[in-house]
Amino acid sequence: MRWILLLSLLLTACNISVSDSENISSTCDDPQIKGNLTTYNGEKIYHVPGGQFYEVTEAEEMFCTEEEAESAGFRKSER
């Protein structure tokens, strides 16, 4: 019975530390990369400043780096 409680506490502690480290690594003062889902197939696409659709894209997520966007499952806009 004690091991269940200990395991539960350990898993809770791990989840907190993982999410905290993710938030720290993805934080910057002024994220510029816009991520959104396409309406027709739900594909995750990110747009960088200067891209053809950047100004008209309403971001559902914002990223600090392209690597961050890609690790979240987004691909770069082809235009």
PDB file of N, CA and C in Angstrom:
ATOM      1  N   MET A   1       0.819  -1.190   0.000  1.00  0.00           N
ATOM      2  CA  MET A   1       0.000   0.000   0.000  1.00  0.00           C
ATOM      3  C   MET A   1       0.867   1.259   0.000  1.00  0.00           C
ATOM      4  N   ARG A   2       1.940   1.255   0.768  1.00  0.00           N
ATOM      5  CA  ARG A   2       2.821   2.415   0.812  1.00  0.00           C
ATOM      6  C   ARG A   2       3.488   2.667  -0.529  1.00  0.00           C
ATOM      7  N   TRP A   3       3.826   1.595  -1.228  1.00  0.00           N
ATOM      8  CA  TRP A   3       4.509   1.763  -2.513  1.00  0.00           C
ATOM      9  C   TRP A   3       3.609   2.442  -3.527  1.00  0.00           C
ATOM     10  N   ILE A   4       2.311   2.248  -3.444  1.00  0.00           N
ATOM     11  CA  ILE A   4       1.377   2.920  -4.349  1.00  0.00           C
ATOM     12  C   ILE A   4       1.389   4.423  -4.083  1.00  0.00           C
ATOM     13  N   LEU A   5       1.383   4.790  -2.821  1.00  0.00           N
ATOM     14  CA  LEU A   5       1.440   6.201  -2.460  1.00  0.00           C
ATOM     15  C   LEU A   5       2.754   6.826  -2.916  1.00  0.00           C
ATOM     16  N   LEU A   6       3.858   6.111  -2.680  1.00  0.00           N
ATOM     17  CA  LEU A   6       5.161   6.620  -3.104  1.00  0.00           C
ATOM     18  C   LEU A   6       5.244   6.754  -4.620  1.00  0.00           C
ATOM     19  N   LEU A   7       4.741   5.775  -5.329  1.00  0.00           N
ATOM     20  CA  LEU A   7       4.745   5.830  -6.790  1.00  0.00           C
ATOM     21  C   LEU A   7       3.899   7.004  -7.283  1.00  0.00           C
ATOM     22  N   SER A   8       2.764   7.199  -6.672  1.00  0.00           N
ATOM     23  CA  SER A   8       1.892   8.313  -7.040  1.00  0.00           C
ATOM     24  C   SER A   8       2.583   9.658  -6.823  1.00  0.00           C
ATOM     25  N   LEU A   9       3.255   9.792  -5.688  1.00  0.00           N
ATOM     26  CA  LEU A   9       3.982  11.033  -5.397  1.00  0.00           C
ATOM     27  C   LEU A   9       5.122  11.254  -6.386  1.00  0.00           C
ATOM     28  N   LEU A  10       5.829  10.178  -6.706  1.00  0.00           N
ATOM     29  CA  LEU A  10       6.928  10.279  -7.661  1.00  0.00           C
ATOM     30  C   LEU A  10       6.432  10.710  -9.039  1.00  0.00           C
ATOM     31  N   LEU A  11       5.358  10.088  -9.506  1.00  0.00           N
ATOM     32  CA  LEU A  11       4.819  10.448 -10.816  1.00  0.00           C
ATOM     33  C   LEU A  11       4.333  11.893 -10.841  1.00  0.00           C
ATOM     34  N   THR A  12       3.703  12.315  -9.768  1.00  0.00           N
ATOM     35  CA  THR A  12       3.247  13.701  -9.686  1.00  0.00           C
ATOM     36  C   THR A  12       4.433  14.655  -9.736  1.00  0.00           C
ATOM     37  N   ALA A  13       5.468  14.365  -8.982  1.00  0.00           N
ATOM     38  CA  ALA A  13       6.656  15.222  -8.969  1.00  0.00           C
ATOM     39  C   ALA A  13       7.296  15.278 -10.350  1.00  0.00           C
ATOM     40  N   CYS A  14       7.374  14.159 -11.033  1.00  0.00           N
ATOM     41  CA  CYS A  14       7.973  14.124 -12.375  1.00  0.00           C
ATOM     42  C   CYS A  14       7.153  14.939 -13.358  1.00  0.00           C
ATOM     43  N   ASN A  15       5.852  14.812 -13.305  1.00  0.00           N
ATOM     44  CA  ASN A  15       5.005  15.573 -14.222  1.00  0.00           C
ATOM     45  C   ASN A  15       5.157  17.066 -14.001  1.00  0.00           C
ATOM     46  N   ILE A  16       5.249  17.490 -12.777  1.00  0.00           N
ATOM     47  CA  ILE A  16       5.415  18.915 -12.483  1.00  0.00           C
ATOM     48  C   ILE A  16       6.755  19.403 -13.013  1.00  0.00           C
ATOM     49  N   SER A  17       7.822  18.662 -12.745  1.00  0.00           N
ATOM     50  CA  SER A  17       9.138  19.126 -13.177  1.00  0.00           C
ATOM     51  C   SER A  17       9.257  19.118 -14.691  1.00  0.00           C
ATOM     52  N   VAL A  18       8.659  18.152 -15.378  1.00  0.00           N
ATOM     53  CA  VAL A  18       8.726  18.120 -16.839  1.00  0.00           C
ATOM     54  C   VAL A  18       7.983  19.310 -17.422  1.00  0.00           C
ATOM     55  N   SER A  19       6.779  19.570 -16.961  1.00  0.00           N
ATOM     56  CA  SER A  19       6.021  20.683 -17.525  1.00  0.00           C
ATOM     57  C   SER A  19       6.689  22.020 -17.214  1.00  0.00           C
ATOM     58  N   ASP A  20       7.252  22.151 -16.015  1.00  0.00           N
ATOM     59  CA  ASP A  20       7.942  23.392 -15.689  1.00  0.00           C
ATOM     60  C   ASP A  20       9.127  23.628 -16.608  1.00  0.00           C
ATOM     61  N   SER A  21       9.913  22.590 -16.891  1.00  0.00           N
ATOM     62  CA  SER A  21      11.071  22.766 -17.761  1.00  0.00           C
ATOM     63  C   SER A  21      10.644  23.065 -19.187  1.00  0.00           C
ATOM     64  N   GLU A  22       9.524  22.516 -19.631  1.00  0.00           N
ATOM     65  CA  GLU A  22       9.042  22.819 -20.975  1.00  0.00           C
ATOM     66  C   GLU A  22       8.634  24.287 -21.069  1.00  0.00           C
ATOM     67  N   ASN A  23       7.952  24.791 -20.056  1.00  0.00           N
ATOM     68  CA  ASN A  23       7.531  26.181 -20.075  1.00  0.00           C
ATOM     69  C   ASN A  23       8.720  27.123 -20.081  1.00  0.00           C
ATOM     70  N   ILE A  24       9.747  26.790 -19.340  1.00  0.00           N
ATOM     71  CA  ILE A  24      10.929  27.644 -19.284  1.00  0.00           C
ATOM     72  C   ILE A  24      11.632  27.661 -20.636  1.00  0.00           C
ATOM     73  N   SER A  25      11.770  26.493 -21.268  1.00  0.00           N
ATOM     74  CA  SER A  25      12.497  26.436 -22.530  1.00  0.00           C
ATOM     75  C   SER A  25      11.726  27.091 -23.671  1.00  0.00           C
ATOM     76  N   SER A  26      10.408  27.201 -23.566  1.00  0.00           N
ATOM     77  CA  SER A  26       9.633  27.768 -24.658  1.00  0.00           C
ATOM     78  C   SER A  26       9.240  29.216 -24.408  1.00  0.00           C
ATOM     79  N   THR A  27       9.852  29.831 -23.440  1.00  0.00           N
ATOM     80  CA  THR A  27       9.493  31.197 -23.092  1.00  0.00           C
ATOM     81  C   THR A  27      10.519  32.177 -23.650  1.00  0.00           C
ATOM     82  N   CYS A  28      10.016  33.203 -24.311  1.00  0.00           N
ATOM     83  CA  CYS A  28      10.855  34.312 -24.724  1.00  0.00           C
ATOM     84  C   CYS A  28      10.011  35.571 -24.565  1.00  0.00           C
ATOM     85  N   ASP A  29      10.636  36.691 -24.633  1.00  0.00           N
ATOM     86  CA  ASP A  29       9.916  37.946 -24.406  1.00  0.00           C
ATOM     87  C   ASP A  29       8.937  38.303 -25.515  1.00  0.00           C
ATOM     88  N   ASP A  30       9.257  37.905 -26.745  1.00  0.00           N
ATOM     89  CA  ASP A  30       8.447  38.340 -27.875  1.00  0.00           C
ATOM     90  C   ASP A  30       8.381  37.261 -28.961  1.00  0.00           C
ATOM     91  N   PRO A  31       7.588  36.196 -28.757  1.00  0.00           N
ATOM     92  CA  PRO A  31       7.514  35.143 -29.766  1.00  0.00           C
ATOM     93  C   PRO A  31       6.947  35.689 -31.080  1.00  0.00           C
ATOM     94  N   GLN A  32       7.560  35.312 -32.194  1.00  0.00           N
ATOM     95  CA  GLN A  32       7.163  35.836 -33.503  1.00  0.00           C
ATOM     96  C   GLN A  32       6.636  34.778 -34.462  1.00  0.00           C
ATOM     97  N   ILE A  33       6.798  33.520 -34.126  1.00  0.00           N
ATOM     98  CA  ILE A  33       6.390  32.450 -35.037  1.00  0.00           C
ATOM     99  C   ILE A  33       4.965  32.033 -34.705  1.00  0.00           C
ATOM    100  N   LYS A  34       4.099  32.111 -35.717  1.00  0.00           N
ATOM    101  CA  LYS A  34       2.683  31.819 -35.529  1.00  0.00           C
ATOM    102  C   LYS A  34       2.371  30.396 -35.962  1.00  0.00           C
ATOM    103  N   GLY A  35       1.694  29.669 -35.102  1.00  0.00           N
ATOM    104  CA  GLY A  35       1.266  28.319 -35.445  1.00  0.00           C
ATOM    105  C   GLY A  35      -0.242  28.243 -35.464  1.00  0.00           C
ATOM    106  N   ASN A  36      -0.772  27.534 -36.464  1.00  0.00           N
ATOM    107  CA  ASN A  36      -2.216  27.314 -36.473  1.00  0.00           C
ATOM    108  C   ASN A  36      -2.547  26.013 -37.196  1.00  0.00           C
ATOM    109  N   LEU A  37      -3.786  25.585 -37.023  1.00  0.00           N
ATOM    110  CA  LEU A  37      -4.282  24.372 -37.669  1.00  0.00           C
ATOM    111  C   LEU A  37      -5.058  24.766 -38.912  1.00  0.00           C
ATOM    112  N   THR A  38      -4.834  24.026 -39.990  1.00  0.00           N
ATOM    113  CA  THR A  38      -5.607  24.313 -41.198  1.00  0.00           C
ATOM    114  C   THR A  38      -7.048  23.905 -40.973  1.00  0.00           C
ATOM    115  N   THR A  39      -7.963  24.634 -41.569  1.00  0.00           N
ATOM    116  CA  THR A  39      -9.384  24.355 -41.364  1.00  0.00           C
ATOM    117  C   THR A  39      -9.858  23.126 -42.124  1.00  0.00           C
ATOM    118  N   TYR A  40      -9.198  22.793 -43.216  1.00  0.00           N
ATOM    119  CA  TYR A  40      -9.699  21.694 -44.035  1.00  0.00           C
ATOM    120  C   TYR A  40      -9.171  20.320 -43.642  1.00  0.00           C
ATOM    121  N   ASN A  41      -8.002  20.233 -42.999  1.00  0.00           N
ATOM    122  CA  ASN A  41      -7.526  18.897 -42.612  1.00  0.00           C
ATOM    123  C   ASN A  41      -6.838  18.864 -41.249  1.00  0.00           C
ATOM    124  N   GLY A  42      -6.793  19.979 -40.537  1.00  0.00           N
ATOM    125  CA  GLY A  42      -6.219  20.007 -39.204  1.00  0.00           C
ATOM    126  C   GLY A  42      -4.703  19.938 -39.162  1.00  0.00           C
ATOM    127  N   GLU A  43      -4.045  20.110 -40.303  1.00  0.00           N
ATOM    128  CA  GLU A  43      -2.588  20.069 -40.346  1.00  0.00           C
ATOM    129  C   GLU A  43      -2.015  21.250 -39.568  1.00  0.00           C
ATOM    130  N   LYS A  44      -0.933  20.993 -38.850  1.00  0.00           N
ATOM    131  CA  LYS A  44      -0.280  22.032 -38.058  1.00  0.00           C
ATOM    132  C   LYS A  44       0.791  22.710 -38.912  1.00  0.00           C
ATOM    133  N   ILE A  45       0.638  24.023 -39.108  1.00  0.00           N
ATOM    134  CA  ILE A  45       1.570  24.793 -39.936  1.00  0.00           C
ATOM    135  C   ILE A  45       2.030  26.012 -39.141  1.00  0.00           C
ATOM    136  N   TYR A  46       3.320  26.329 -39.253  1.00  0.00           N
ATOM    137  CA  TYR A  46       3.800  27.568 -38.624  1.00  0.00           C
ATOM    138  C   TYR A  46       4.267  28.546 -39.680  1.00  0.00           C
ATOM    139  N   HIS A  47       4.135  29.829 -39.354  1.00  0.00           N
ATOM    140  CA  HIS A  47       4.460  30.929 -40.259  1.00  0.00           C
ATOM    141  C   HIS A  47       5.496  31.831 -39.602  1.00  0.00           C
ATOM    142  N   VAL A  48       6.482  32.227 -40.382  1.00  0.00           N
ATOM    143  CA  VAL A  48       7.540  33.104 -39.883  1.00  0.00           C
ATOM    144  C   VAL A  48       7.339  34.506 -40.464  1.00  0.00           C
ATOM    145  N   PRO A  49       7.836  35.533 -39.759  1.00  0.00           N
ATOM    146  CA  PRO A  49       7.733  36.895 -40.291  1.00  0.00           C
ATOM    147  C   PRO A  49       8.322  36.967 -41.700  1.00  0.00           C
ATOM    148  N   GLY A  50       7.619  37.660 -42.569  1.00  0.00           N
ATOM    149  CA  GLY A  50       8.045  37.787 -43.961  1.00  0.00           C
ATOM    150  C   GLY A  50       7.426  36.744 -44.877  1.00  0.00           C
ATOM    151  N   GLY A  51       6.816  35.726 -44.306  1.00  0.00           N
ATOM    152  CA  GLY A  51       6.152  34.702 -45.111  1.00  0.00           C
ATOM    153  C   GLY A  51       4.885  35.251 -45.755  1.00  0.00           C
ATOM    154  N   GLN A  52       4.453  34.645 -46.837  1.00  0.00           N
ATOM    155  CA  GLN A  52       3.311  35.130 -47.608  1.00  0.00           C
ATOM    156  C   GLN A  52       2.037  35.258 -46.766  1.00  0.00           C
ATOM    157  N   PHE A  53       1.801  34.324 -45.854  1.00  0.00           N
ATOM    158  CA  PHE A  53       0.556  34.334 -45.091  1.00  0.00           C
ATOM    159  C   PHE A  53       0.727  34.792 -43.643  1.00  0.00           C
ATOM    160  N   TYR A  54       1.917  35.265 -43.297  1.00  0.00           N
ATOM    161  CA  TYR A  54       2.190  35.634 -41.905  1.00  0.00           C
ATOM    162  C   TYR A  54       1.220  36.700 -41.393  1.00  0.00           C
ATOM    163  N   GLU A  55       1.048  37.772 -42.132  1.00  0.00           N
ATOM    164  CA  GLU A  55       0.226  38.900 -41.666  1.00  0.00           C
ATOM    165  C   GLU A  55      -1.253  38.547 -41.533  1.00  0.00           C
ATOM    166  N   VAL A  56      -1.746  37.615 -42.325  1.00  0.00           N
ATOM    167  CA  VAL A  56      -3.171  37.273 -42.269  1.00  0.00           C
ATOM    168  C   VAL A  56      -3.448  36.065 -41.377  1.00  0.00           C
ATOM    169  N   THR A  57      -2.414  35.454 -40.859  1.00  0.00           N
ATOM    170  CA  THR A  57      -2.594  34.279 -40.007  1.00  0.00           C
ATOM    171  C   THR A  57      -2.932  34.699 -38.587  1.00  0.00           C
ATOM    172  N   GLU A  58      -4.015  34.121 -38.060  1.00  0.00           N
ATOM    173  CA  GLU A  58      -4.368  34.319 -36.661  1.00  0.00           C
ATOM    174  C   GLU A  58      -3.768  33.143 -35.893  1.00  0.00           C
ATOM    175  N   ALA A  59      -2.795  33.439 -35.056  1.00  0.00           N
ATOM    176  CA  ALA A  59      -2.058  32.387 -34.354  1.00  0.00           C
ATOM    177  C   ALA A  59      -2.921  31.689 -33.311  1.00  0.00           C
ATOM    178  N   GLU A  60      -2.852  30.367 -33.331  1.00  0.00           N
ATOM    179  CA  GLU A  60      -3.457  29.576 -32.269  1.00  0.00           C
ATOM    180  C   GLU A  60      -2.400  29.224 -31.223  1.00  0.00           C
ATOM    181  N   GLU A  61      -1.141  29.242 -31.661  1.00  0.00           N
ATOM    182  CA  GLU A  61       0.000  29.051 -30.772  1.00  0.00           C
ATOM    183  C   GLU A  61       1.118  29.956 -31.262  1.00  0.00           C
ATOM    184  N   MET A  62       1.977  30.375 -30.341  1.00  0.00           N
ATOM    185  CA  MET A  62       3.128  31.210 -30.691  1.00  0.00           C
ATOM    186  C   MET A  62       4.393  30.509 -30.244  1.00  0.00           C
ATOM    187  N   PHE A  63       5.452  30.669 -31.036  1.00  0.00           N
ATOM    188  CA  PHE A  63       6.729  30.020 -30.738  1.00  0.00           C
ATOM    189  C   PHE A  63       7.863  31.020 -30.844  1.00  0.00           C
ATOM    190  N   CYS A  64       8.936  30.706 -30.138  1.00  0.00           N
ATOM    191  CA  CYS A  64      10.129  31.547 -30.158  1.00  0.00           C
ATOM    192  C   CYS A  64      11.100  31.131 -31.251  1.00  0.00           C
ATOM    193  N   THR A  65      11.133  29.844 -31.574  1.00  0.00           N
ATOM    194  CA  THR A  65      12.044  29.338 -32.598  1.00  0.00           C
ATOM    195  C   THR A  65      11.317  28.360 -33.506  1.00  0.00           C
ATOM    196  N   GLU A  66      11.881  28.177 -34.694  1.00  0.00           N
ATOM    197  CA  GLU A  66      11.318  27.192 -35.616  1.00  0.00           C
ATOM    198  C   GLU A  66      11.458  25.787 -35.045  1.00  0.00           C
ATOM    199  N   GLU A  67      12.557  25.536 -34.354  1.00  0.00           N
ATOM    200  CA  GLU A  67      12.774  24.229 -33.740  1.00  0.00           C
ATOM    201  C   GLU A  67      11.681  23.915 -32.723  1.00  0.00           C
ATOM    202  N   GLU A  68      11.290  24.925 -31.973  1.00  0.00           N
ATOM    203  CA  GLU A  68      10.230  24.766 -30.985  1.00  0.00           C
ATOM    204  C   GLU A  68       8.912  24.417 -31.675  1.00  0.00           C
ATOM    205  N   ALA A  69       8.602  25.107 -32.762  1.00  0.00           N
ATOM    206  CA  ALA A  69       7.373  24.837 -33.511  1.00  0.00           C
ATOM    207  C   ALA A  69       7.393  23.414 -34.075  1.00  0.00           C
ATOM    208  N   GLU A  70       8.524  23.019 -34.626  1.00  0.00           N
ATOM    209  CA  GLU A  70       8.634  21.682 -35.208  1.00  0.00           C
ATOM    210  C   GLU A  70       8.538  20.595 -34.150  1.00  0.00           C
ATOM    211  N   SER A  71       9.106  20.840 -32.993  1.00  0.00           N
ATOM    212  CA  SER A  71       9.008  19.826 -31.931  1.00  0.00           C
ATOM    213  C   SER A  71       7.595  19.711 -31.392  1.00  0.00           C
ATOM    214  N   ALA A  72       6.765  20.739 -31.615  1.00  0.00           N
ATOM    215  CA  ALA A  72       5.355  20.690 -31.222  1.00  0.00           C
ATOM    216  C   ALA A  72       4.486  20.067 -32.308  1.00  0.00           C
ATOM    217  N   GLY A  73       5.127  19.608 -33.410  1.00  0.00           N
ATOM    218  CA  GLY A  73       4.381  18.923 -34.455  1.00  0.00           C
ATOM    219  C   GLY A  73       3.964  19.786 -35.630  1.00  0.00           C
ATOM    220  N   PHE A  74       4.457  21.010 -35.693  1.00  0.00           N
ATOM    221  CA  PHE A  74       4.123  21.919 -36.787  1.00  0.00           C
ATOM    222  C   PHE A  74       5.157  21.802 -37.901  1.00  0.00           C
ATOM    223  N   ARG A  75       4.726  22.055 -39.114  1.00  0.00           N
ATOM    224  CA  ARG A  75       5.657  22.138 -40.244  1.00  0.00           C
ATOM    225  C   ARG A  75       5.655  23.573 -40.749  1.00  0.00           C
ATOM    226  N   LYS A  76       6.749  23.963 -41.398  1.00  0.00           N
ATOM    227  CA  LYS A  76       6.862  25.322 -41.910  1.00  0.00           C
ATOM    228  C   LYS A  76       5.956  25.519 -43.120  1.00  0.00           C
ATOM    229  N   SER A  77       5.353  26.694 -43.222  1.00  0.00           N
ATOM    230  CA  SER A  77       4.556  27.038 -44.390  1.00  0.00           C
ATOM    231  C   SER A  77       5.434  26.981 -45.635  1.00  0.00           C
ATOM    232  N   GLU A  78       4.889  26.512 -46.706  1.00  0.00           N
ATOM    233  CA  GLU A  78       5.654  26.417 -47.944  1.00  0.00           C
ATOM    234  C   GLU A  78       5.762  27.749 -48.666  1.00  0.00           C
ATOM    235  N   ARG A  79       5.060  28.757 -48.187  1.00  0.00           N
ATOM    236  CA  ARG A  79       5.111  30.087 -48.828  1.00  0.00           C
ATOM    237  C   ARG A  79       5.403  31.160 -47.817  1.00  0.00           C
TER     238      ARG A  79
END
